[in-house]
Amino acid sequence: MPIIKSAKKALRQNKKRRIRNLVYKRKIKNIEKDFLKFLDGQNKKELKKILNKYYKIVDKAVKIKLLKKNTASRKKSKLAKMMK
């Protein structure tokens, strides 16, 4: 356990950030799975909605520095290519 006051605060911050990061990672993975599930079907409108949600969550992950910019671009383009 940390003894110094700043180390205690850093520990609290790390716990909060870890939880937030795990939530975003799970969201990204779940939406990607949904996208792949709908990819087999013929429903283009539903697929497009899921893709837009995916873009939104990945962009937010970049904003909070969970993903790097190029990684997000690669992930988004991969799903867009699959849709075509």
PDB file of N, CA and C in Angstrom:
ATOM      1  N   MET A   1       0.832  -1.190   0.000  1.00  0.00           N
ATOM      2  CA  MET A   1       0.000   0.000   0.000  1.00  0.00           C
ATOM      3  C   MET A   1       0.873   1.248   0.000  1.00  0.00           C
ATOM      4  N   PRO A   2       0.445   2.251  -0.731  1.00  0.00           N
ATOM      5  CA  PRO A   2       1.217   3.491  -0.756  1.00  0.00           C
ATOM      6  C   PRO A   2       1.127   4.234   0.578  1.00  0.00           C
ATOM      7  N   ILE A   3       2.189   4.916   0.885  1.00  0.00           N
ATOM      8  CA  ILE A   3       2.253   5.671   2.134  1.00  0.00           C
ATOM      9  C   ILE A   3       2.120   7.165   1.845  1.00  0.00           C
ATOM     10  N   ILE A   4       2.769   7.610   0.793  1.00  0.00           N
ATOM     11  CA  ILE A   4       2.781   9.025   0.438  1.00  0.00           C
ATOM     12  C   ILE A   4       1.423   9.428  -0.133  1.00  0.00           C
ATOM     13  N   LYS A   5       0.999  10.634   0.184  1.00  0.00           N
ATOM     14  CA  LYS A   5      -0.316  11.128  -0.200  1.00  0.00           C
ATOM     15  C   LYS A   5      -0.511  11.134  -1.725  1.00  0.00           C
ATOM     16  N   SER A   6       0.493  11.546  -2.459  1.00  0.00           N
ATOM     17  CA  SER A   6       0.362  11.596  -3.919  1.00  0.00           C
ATOM     18  C   SER A   6       0.285  10.188  -4.518  1.00  0.00           C
ATOM     19  N   ALA A   7       0.952   9.229  -3.882  1.00  0.00           N
ATOM     20  CA  ALA A   7       0.889   7.848  -4.355  1.00  0.00           C
ATOM     21  C   ALA A   7      -0.502   7.260  -4.106  1.00  0.00           C
ATOM     22  N   LYS A   8      -1.131   7.634  -2.994  1.00  0.00           N
ATOM     23  CA  LYS A   8      -2.497   7.191  -2.708  1.00  0.00           C
ATOM     24  C   LYS A   8      -3.466   7.730  -3.765  1.00  0.00           C
ATOM     25  N   LYS A   9      -3.283   9.002  -4.094  1.00  0.00           N
ATOM     26  CA  LYS A   9      -4.148   9.607  -5.104  1.00  0.00           C
ATOM     27  C   LYS A   9      -3.935   8.939  -6.462  1.00  0.00           C
ATOM     28  N   ALA A  10      -2.683   8.659  -6.799  1.00  0.00           N
ATOM     29  CA  ALA A  10      -2.376   8.005  -8.072  1.00  0.00           C
ATOM     30  C   ALA A  10      -3.028   6.626  -8.137  1.00  0.00           C
ATOM     31  N   LEU A  11      -3.043   5.922  -7.021  1.00  0.00           N
ATOM     32  CA  LEU A  11      -3.675   4.609  -6.966  1.00  0.00           C
ATOM     33  C   LEU A  11      -5.179   4.719  -7.209  1.00  0.00           C
ATOM     34  N   ARG A  12      -5.815   5.714  -6.583  1.00  0.00           N
ATOM     35  CA  ARG A  12      -7.259   5.931  -6.805  1.00  0.00           C
ATOM     36  C   ARG A  12      -7.536   6.239  -8.265  1.00  0.00           C
ATOM     37  N   GLN A  13      -6.721   7.100  -8.859  1.00  0.00           N
ATOM     38  CA  GLN A  13      -6.906   7.462 -10.267  1.00  0.00           C
ATOM     39  C   GLN A  13      -6.740   6.251 -11.180  1.00  0.00           C
ATOM     40  N   ASN A  14      -5.730   5.419 -10.892  1.00  0.00           N
ATOM     41  CA  ASN A  14      -5.482   4.239 -11.713  1.00  0.00           C
ATOM     42  C   ASN A  14      -6.645   3.261 -11.662  1.00  0.00           C
ATOM     43  N   LYS A  15      -7.258   3.113 -10.486  1.00  0.00           N
ATOM     44  CA  LYS A  15      -8.406   2.218 -10.358  1.00  0.00           C
ATOM     45  C   LYS A  15      -9.575   2.709 -11.213  1.00  0.00           C
ATOM     46  N   LYS A  16      -9.849   4.017 -11.138  1.00  0.00           N
ATOM     47  CA  LYS A  16     -10.950   4.585 -11.925  1.00  0.00           C
ATOM     48  C   LYS A  16     -10.690   4.445 -13.418  1.00  0.00           C
ATOM     49  N   ARG A  17      -9.476   4.736 -13.831  1.00  0.00           N
ATOM     50  CA  ARG A  17      -9.124   4.646 -15.250  1.00  0.00           C
ATOM     51  C   ARG A  17      -9.192   3.212 -15.751  1.00  0.00           C
ATOM     52  N   ARG A  18      -8.756   2.274 -14.918  1.00  0.00           N
ATOM     53  CA  ARG A  18      -8.773   0.868 -15.306  1.00  0.00           C
ATOM     54  C   ARG A  18     -10.202   0.401 -15.564  1.00  0.00           C
ATOM     55  N   ILE A  19     -11.120   0.781 -14.667  1.00  0.00           N
ATOM     56  CA  ILE A  19     -12.522   0.408 -14.843  1.00  0.00           C
ATOM     57  C   ILE A  19     -13.087   1.020 -16.121  1.00  0.00           C
ATOM     58  N   ARG A  20     -12.799   2.302 -16.334  1.00  0.00           N
ATOM     59  CA  ARG A  20     -13.294   2.987 -17.536  1.00  0.00           C
ATOM     60  C   ARG A  20     -12.736   2.329 -18.792  1.00  0.00           C
ATOM     61  N   ASN A  21     -11.456   1.981 -18.781  1.00  0.00           N
ATOM     62  CA  ASN A  21     -10.840   1.363 -19.951  1.00  0.00           C
ATOM     63  C   ASN A  21     -11.440  -0.007 -20.236  1.00  0.00           C
ATOM     64  N   LEU A  22     -11.693  -0.780 -19.200  1.00  0.00           N
ATOM     65  CA  LEU A  22     -12.292  -2.095 -19.395  1.00  0.00           C
ATOM     66  C   LEU A  22     -13.692  -1.990 -19.987  1.00  0.00           C
ATOM     67  N   VAL A  23     -14.457  -0.995 -19.535  1.00  0.00           N
ATOM     68  CA  VAL A  23     -15.807  -0.786 -20.072  1.00  0.00           C
ATOM     69  C   VAL A  23     -15.738  -0.502 -21.567  1.00  0.00           C
ATOM     70  N   TYR A  24     -14.851   0.387 -21.982  1.00  0.00           N
ATOM     71  CA  TYR A  24     -14.731   0.727 -23.404  1.00  0.00           C
ATOM     72  C   TYR A  24     -14.238  -0.457 -24.221  1.00  0.00           C
ATOM     73  N   LYS A  25     -13.284  -1.213 -23.682  1.00  0.00           N
ATOM     74  CA  LYS A  25     -12.780  -2.372 -24.419  1.00  0.00           C
ATOM     75  C   LYS A  25     -13.885  -3.395 -24.631  1.00  0.00           C
ATOM     76  N   ARG A  26     -14.697  -3.621 -23.600  1.00  0.00           N
ATOM     77  CA  ARG A  26     -15.808  -4.572 -23.722  1.00  0.00           C
ATOM     78  C   ARG A  26     -16.830  -4.078 -24.738  1.00  0.00           C
ATOM     79  N   LYS A  27     -17.138  -2.776 -24.703  1.00  0.00           N
ATOM     80  CA  LYS A  27     -18.098  -2.226 -25.664  1.00  0.00           C
ATOM     81  C   LYS A  27     -17.614  -2.435 -27.091  1.00  0.00           C
ATOM     82  N   ILE A  28     -16.340  -2.160 -27.319  1.00  0.00           N
ATOM     83  CA  ILE A  28     -15.774  -2.309 -28.662  1.00  0.00           C
ATOM     84  C   ILE A  28     -15.872  -3.761 -29.121  1.00  0.00           C
ATOM     85  N   LYS A  29     -15.508  -4.687 -28.247  1.00  0.00           N
ATOM     86  CA  LYS A  29     -15.547  -6.104 -28.614  1.00  0.00           C
ATOM     87  C   LYS A  29     -16.970  -6.582 -28.864  1.00  0.00           C
ATOM     88  N   ASN A  30     -17.920  -6.156 -28.017  1.00  0.00           N
ATOM     89  CA  ASN A  30     -19.301  -6.592 -28.178  1.00  0.00           C
ATOM     90  C   ASN A  30     -19.925  -6.071 -29.462  1.00  0.00           C
ATOM     91  N   ILE A  31     -19.673  -4.820 -29.788  1.00  0.00           N
ATOM     92  CA  ILE A  31     -20.238  -4.259 -31.011  1.00  0.00           C
ATOM     93  C   ILE A  31     -19.605  -4.909 -32.234  1.00  0.00           C
ATOM     94  N   GLU A  32     -18.321  -5.225 -32.147  1.00  0.00           N
ATOM     95  CA  GLU A  32     -17.652  -5.905 -33.258  1.00  0.00           C
ATOM     96  C   GLU A  32     -18.278  -7.290 -33.479  1.00  0.00           C
ATOM     97  N   LYS A  33     -18.596  -7.992 -32.387  1.00  0.00           N
ATOM     98  CA  LYS A  33     -19.248  -9.297 -32.498  1.00  0.00           C
ATOM     99  C   LYS A  33     -20.637  -9.159 -33.114  1.00  0.00           C
ATOM    100  N   ASP A  34     -21.392  -8.138 -32.684  1.00  0.00           N
ATOM    101  CA  ASP A  34     -22.717  -7.900 -33.262  1.00  0.00           C
ATOM    102  C   ASP A  34     -22.625  -7.634 -34.752  1.00  0.00           C
ATOM    103  N   PHE A  35     -21.630  -6.855 -35.126  1.00  0.00           N
ATOM    104  CA  PHE A  35     -21.430  -6.531 -36.541  1.00  0.00           C
ATOM    105  C   PHE A  35     -21.180  -7.809 -37.346  1.00  0.00           C
ATOM    106  N   LEU A  36     -20.314  -8.663 -36.842  1.00  0.00           N
ATOM    107  CA  LEU A  36     -19.998  -9.900 -37.545  1.00  0.00           C
ATOM    108  C   LEU A  36     -21.206 -10.835 -37.610  1.00  0.00           C
ATOM    109  N   LYS A  37     -22.052 -10.785 -36.582  1.00  0.00           N
ATOM    110  CA  LYS A  37     -23.257 -11.611 -36.571  1.00  0.00           C
ATOM    111  C   LYS A  37     -24.241 -11.136 -37.645  1.00  0.00           C
ATOM    112  N   PHE A  38     -24.406  -9.828 -37.785  1.00  0.00           N
ATOM    113  CA  PHE A  38     -25.324  -9.271 -38.770  1.00  0.00           C
ATOM    114  C   PHE A  38     -24.741  -9.284 -40.182  1.00  0.00           C
ATOM    115  N   LEU A  39     -23.454  -9.508 -40.299  1.00  0.00           N
ATOM    116  CA  LEU A  39     -22.799  -9.500 -41.609  1.00  0.00           C
ATOM    117  C   LEU A  39     -23.334 -10.615 -42.502  1.00  0.00           C
ATOM    118  N   ASP A  40     -23.678 -11.746 -41.905  1.00  0.00           N
ATOM    119  CA  ASP A  40     -24.205 -12.867 -42.683  1.00  0.00           C
ATOM    120  C   ASP A  40     -25.594 -12.577 -43.242  1.00  0.00           C
ATOM    121  N   GLY A  41     -26.392 -11.806 -42.512  1.00  0.00           N
ATOM    122  CA  GLY A  41     -27.752 -11.477 -42.952  1.00  0.00           C
ATOM    123  C   GLY A  41     -27.743 -10.443 -44.066  1.00  0.00           C
ATOM    124  N   GLN A  42     -28.919 -10.145 -44.552  1.00  0.00           N
ATOM    125  CA  GLN A  42     -29.051  -9.207 -45.668  1.00  0.00           C
ATOM    126  C   GLN A  42     -29.519  -7.819 -45.214  1.00  0.00           C
ATOM    127  N   ASN A  43     -29.653  -7.613 -43.919  1.00  0.00           N
ATOM    128  CA  ASN A  43     -30.181  -6.357 -43.408  1.00  0.00           C
ATOM    129  C   ASN A  43     -29.091  -5.276 -43.384  1.00  0.00           C
ATOM    130  N   LYS A  44     -29.035  -4.488 -44.457  1.00  0.00           N
ATOM    131  CA  LYS A  44     -27.987  -3.458 -44.589  1.00  0.00           C
ATOM    132  C   LYS A  44     -28.201  -2.287 -43.627  1.00  0.00           C
ATOM    133  N   LYS A  45     -29.486  -1.942 -43.364  1.00  0.00           N
ATOM    134  CA  LYS A  45     -29.760  -0.798 -42.493  1.00  0.00           C
ATOM    135  C   LYS A  45     -29.264  -1.072 -41.075  1.00  0.00           C
ATOM    136  N   GLU A  46     -29.550  -2.264 -40.586  1.00  0.00           N
ATOM    137  CA  GLU A  46     -29.108  -2.629 -39.236  1.00  0.00           C
ATOM    138  C   GLU A  46     -27.589  -2.664 -39.164  1.00  0.00           C
ATOM    139  N   LEU A  47     -26.976  -3.159 -40.215  1.00  0.00           N
ATOM    140  CA  LEU A  47     -25.519  -3.235 -40.277  1.00  0.00           C
ATOM    141  C   LEU A  47     -24.896  -1.840 -40.239  1.00  0.00           C
ATOM    142  N   LYS A  48     -25.522  -0.917 -40.947  1.00  0.00           N
ATOM    143  CA  LYS A  48     -25.015   0.457 -40.983  1.00  0.00           C
ATOM    144  C   LYS A  48     -25.148   1.137 -39.615  1.00  0.00           C
ATOM    145  N   LYS A  49     -26.260   0.858 -38.905  1.00  0.00           N
ATOM    146  CA  LYS A  49     -26.452   1.416 -37.564  1.00  0.00           C
ATOM    147  C   LYS A  49     -25.368   0.921 -36.612  1.00  0.00           C
ATOM    148  N   ILE A  50     -25.092  -0.379 -36.701  1.00  0.00           N
ATOM    149  CA  ILE A  50     -24.068  -0.963 -35.831  1.00  0.00           C
ATOM    150  C   ILE A  50     -22.697  -0.377 -36.160  1.00  0.00           C
ATOM    151  N   LEU A  51     -22.427  -0.187 -37.446  1.00  0.00           N
ATOM    152  CA  LEU A  51     -21.152   0.394 -37.856  1.00  0.00           C
ATOM    153  C   LEU A  51     -20.995   1.816 -37.331  1.00  0.00           C
ATOM    154  N   ASN A  52     -22.068   2.606 -37.371  1.00  0.00           N
ATOM    155  CA  ASN A  52     -22.020   3.971 -36.842  1.00  0.00           C
ATOM    156  C   ASN A  52     -21.768   3.980 -35.334  1.00  0.00           C
ATOM    157  N   LYS A  53     -22.414   3.051 -34.605  1.00  0.00           N
ATOM    158  CA  LYS A  53     -22.166   2.941 -33.163  1.00  0.00           C
ATOM    159  C   LYS A  53     -20.706   2.584 -32.901  1.00  0.00           C
ATOM    160  N   TYR A  54     -20.186   1.673 -33.715  1.00  0.00           N
ATOM    161  CA  TYR A  54     -18.791   1.243 -33.573  1.00  0.00           C
ATOM    162  C   TYR A  54     -17.848   2.418 -33.778  1.00  0.00           C
ATOM    163  N   TYR A  55     -18.103   3.205 -34.815  1.00  0.00           N
ATOM    164  CA  TYR A  55     -17.275   4.383 -35.085  1.00  0.00           C
ATOM    165  C   TYR A  55     -17.290   5.327 -33.884  1.00  0.00           C
ATOM    166  N   LYS A  56     -18.477   5.549 -33.325  1.00  0.00           N
ATOM    167  CA  LYS A  56     -18.618   6.478 -32.213  1.00  0.00           C
ATOM    168  C   LYS A  56     -17.812   6.015 -30.995  1.00  0.00           C
ATOM    169  N   ILE A  57     -17.920   4.729 -30.672  1.00  0.00           N
ATOM    170  CA  ILE A  57     -17.229   4.212 -29.493  1.00  0.00           C
ATOM    171  C   ILE A  57     -15.717   4.192 -29.704  1.00  0.00           C
ATOM    172  N   VAL A  58     -15.280   3.827 -30.902  1.00  0.00           N
ATOM    173  CA  VAL A  58     -13.834   3.800 -31.174  1.00  0.00           C
ATOM    174  C   VAL A  58     -13.261   5.221 -31.126  1.00  0.00           C
ATOM    175  N   ASP A  59     -14.007   6.181 -31.655  1.00  0.00           N
ATOM    176  CA  ASP A  59     -13.536   7.568 -31.608  1.00  0.00           C
ATOM    177  C   ASP A  59     -13.440   8.082 -30.169  1.00  0.00           C
ATOM    178  N   LYS A  60     -14.395   7.680 -29.330  1.00  0.00           N
ATOM    179  CA  LYS A  60     -14.325   8.075 -27.919  1.00  0.00           C
ATOM    180  C   LYS A  60     -13.132   7.419 -27.227  1.00  0.00           C
ATOM    181  N   ALA A  61     -12.841   6.182 -27.614  1.00  0.00           N
ATOM    182  CA  ALA A  61     -11.684   5.485 -27.040  1.00  0.00           C
ATOM    183  C   ALA A  61     -10.389   6.201 -27.409  1.00  0.00           C
ATOM    184  N   VAL A  62     -10.336   6.761 -28.606  1.00  0.00           N
ATOM    185  CA  VAL A  62      -9.153   7.533 -29.013  1.00  0.00           C
ATOM    186  C   VAL A  62      -9.083   8.825 -28.194  1.00  0.00           C
ATOM    187  N   LYS A  63     -10.232   9.416 -27.961  1.00  0.00           N
ATOM    188  CA  LYS A  63     -10.281  10.673 -27.215  1.00  0.00           C
ATOM    189  C   LYS A  63      -9.758  10.511 -25.784  1.00  0.00           C
ATOM    190  N   ILE A  64     -10.074   9.373 -25.156  1.00  0.00           N
ATOM    191  CA  ILE A  64      -9.604   9.151 -23.786  1.00  0.00           C
ATOM    192  C   ILE A  64      -8.255   8.424 -23.772  1.00  0.00           C
ATOM    193  N   LYS A  65      -7.656   8.295 -24.950  1.00  0.00           N
ATOM    194  CA  LYS A  65      -6.318   7.717 -25.125  1.00  0.00           C
ATOM    195  C   LYS A  65      -6.255   6.240 -24.747  1.00  0.00           C
ATOM    196  N   LEU A  66      -7.345   5.525 -25.006  1.00  0.00           N
ATOM    197  CA  LEU A  66      -7.353   4.077 -24.820  1.00  0.00           C
ATOM    198  C   LEU A  66      -6.764   3.398 -26.044  1.00  0.00           C
ATOM    199  N   LEU A  67      -7.082   3.948 -27.218  1.00  0.00           N
ATOM    200  CA  LEU A  67      -6.528   3.459 -28.477  1.00  0.00           C
ATOM    201  C   LEU A  67      -5.742   4.578 -29.137  1.00  0.00           C
ATOM    202  N   LYS A  68      -4.755   4.187 -29.927  1.00  0.00           N
ATOM    203  CA  LYS A  68      -4.041   5.184 -30.707  1.00  0.00           C
ATOM    204  C   LYS A  68      -4.839   5.489 -31.963  1.00  0.00           C
ATOM    205  N   LYS A  69      -4.562   6.638 -32.540  1.00  0.00           N
ATOM    206  CA  LYS A  69      -5.329   7.123 -33.682  1.00  0.00           C
ATOM    207  C   LYS A  69      -5.262   6.159 -34.872  1.00  0.00           C
ATOM    208  N   ASN A  70      -4.076   5.684 -35.202  1.00  0.00           N
ATOM    209  CA  ASN A  70      -3.927   4.797 -36.353  1.00  0.00           C
ATOM    210  C   ASN A  70      -4.563   3.432 -36.106  1.00  0.00           C
ATOM    211  N   THR A  71      -4.530   2.969 -34.868  1.00  0.00           N
ATOM    212  CA  THR A  71      -5.172   1.701 -34.527  1.00  0.00           C
ATOM    213  C   THR A  71      -6.677   1.808 -34.744  1.00  0.00           C
ATOM    214  N   ALA A  72      -7.254   2.917 -34.304  1.00  0.00           N
ATOM    215  CA  ALA A  72      -8.686   3.134 -34.486  1.00  0.00           C
ATOM    216  C   ALA A  72      -9.031   3.191 -35.964  1.00  0.00           C
ATOM    217  N   SER A  73      -8.222   3.886 -36.738  1.00  0.00           N
ATOM    218  CA  SER A  73      -8.471   3.986 -38.177  1.00  0.00           C
ATOM    219  C   SER A  73      -8.408   2.613 -38.837  1.00  0.00           C
ATOM    220  N   ARG A  74      -7.460   1.815 -38.417  1.00  0.00           N
ATOM    221  CA  ARG A  74      -7.316   0.462 -38.975  1.00  0.00           C
ATOM    222  C   ARG A  74      -8.531  -0.395 -38.642  1.00  0.00           C
ATOM    223  N   LYS A  75      -8.992  -0.331 -37.402  1.00  0.00           N
ATOM    224  CA  LYS A  75     -10.156  -1.110 -36.989  1.00  0.00           C
ATOM    225  C   LYS A  75     -11.407  -0.680 -37.750  1.00  0.00           C
ATOM    226  N   LYS A  76     -11.594   0.634 -37.886  1.00  0.00           N
ATOM    227  CA  LYS A  76     -12.779   1.135 -38.584  1.00  0.00           C
ATOM    228  C   LYS A  76     -12.758   0.758 -40.054  1.00  0.00           C
ATOM    229  N   SER A  77     -11.606   0.879 -40.696  1.00  0.00           N
ATOM    230  CA  SER A  77     -11.543   0.560 -42.121  1.00  0.00           C
ATOM    231  C   SER A  77     -11.715  -0.933 -42.366  1.00  0.00           C
ATOM    232  N   LYS A  78     -11.276  -1.754 -41.409  1.00  0.00           N
ATOM    233  CA  LYS A  78     -11.437  -3.202 -41.553  1.00  0.00           C
ATOM    234  C   LYS A  78     -12.920  -3.579 -41.589  1.00  0.00           C
ATOM    235  N   LEU A  79     -13.710  -2.988 -40.682  1.00  0.00           N
ATOM    236  CA  LEU A  79     -15.136  -3.295 -40.662  1.00  0.00           C
ATOM    237  C   LEU A  79     -15.843  -2.695 -41.876  1.00  0.00           C
ATOM    238  N   ALA A  80     -15.443  -1.512 -42.297  1.00  0.00           N
ATOM    239  CA  ALA A  80     -16.062  -0.893 -43.463  1.00  0.00           C
ATOM    240  C   ALA A  80     -15.807  -1.739 -44.709  1.00  0.00           C
ATOM    241  N   LYS A  81     -14.608  -2.290 -44.790  1.00  0.00           N
ATOM    242  CA  LYS A  81     -14.266  -3.150 -45.931  1.00  0.00           C
ATOM    243  C   LYS A  81     -15.097  -4.422 -45.915  1.00  0.00           C
ATOM    244  N   MET A  82     -15.337  -4.981 -44.724  1.00  0.00           N
ATOM    245  CA  MET A  82     -16.159  -6.184 -44.600  1.00  0.00           C
ATOM    246  C   MET A  82     -17.590  -5.934 -45.050  1.00  0.00           C
ATOM    247  N   MET A  83     -18.065  -4.730 -44.769  1.00  0.00           N
ATOM    248  CA  MET A  83     -19.456  -4.396 -45.121  1.00  0.00           C
ATOM    249  C   MET A  83     -19.650  -4.393 -46.627  1.00  0.00           C
ATOM    250  N   LYS A  84     -18.635  -3.969 -47.365  1.00  0.00           N
ATOM    251  CA  LYS A  84     -18.742  -3.933 -48.818  1.00  0.00           C
ATOM    252  C   LYS A  84     -18.611  -5.334 -49.363  1.00  0.00           C
TER     253      LYS A  84
END
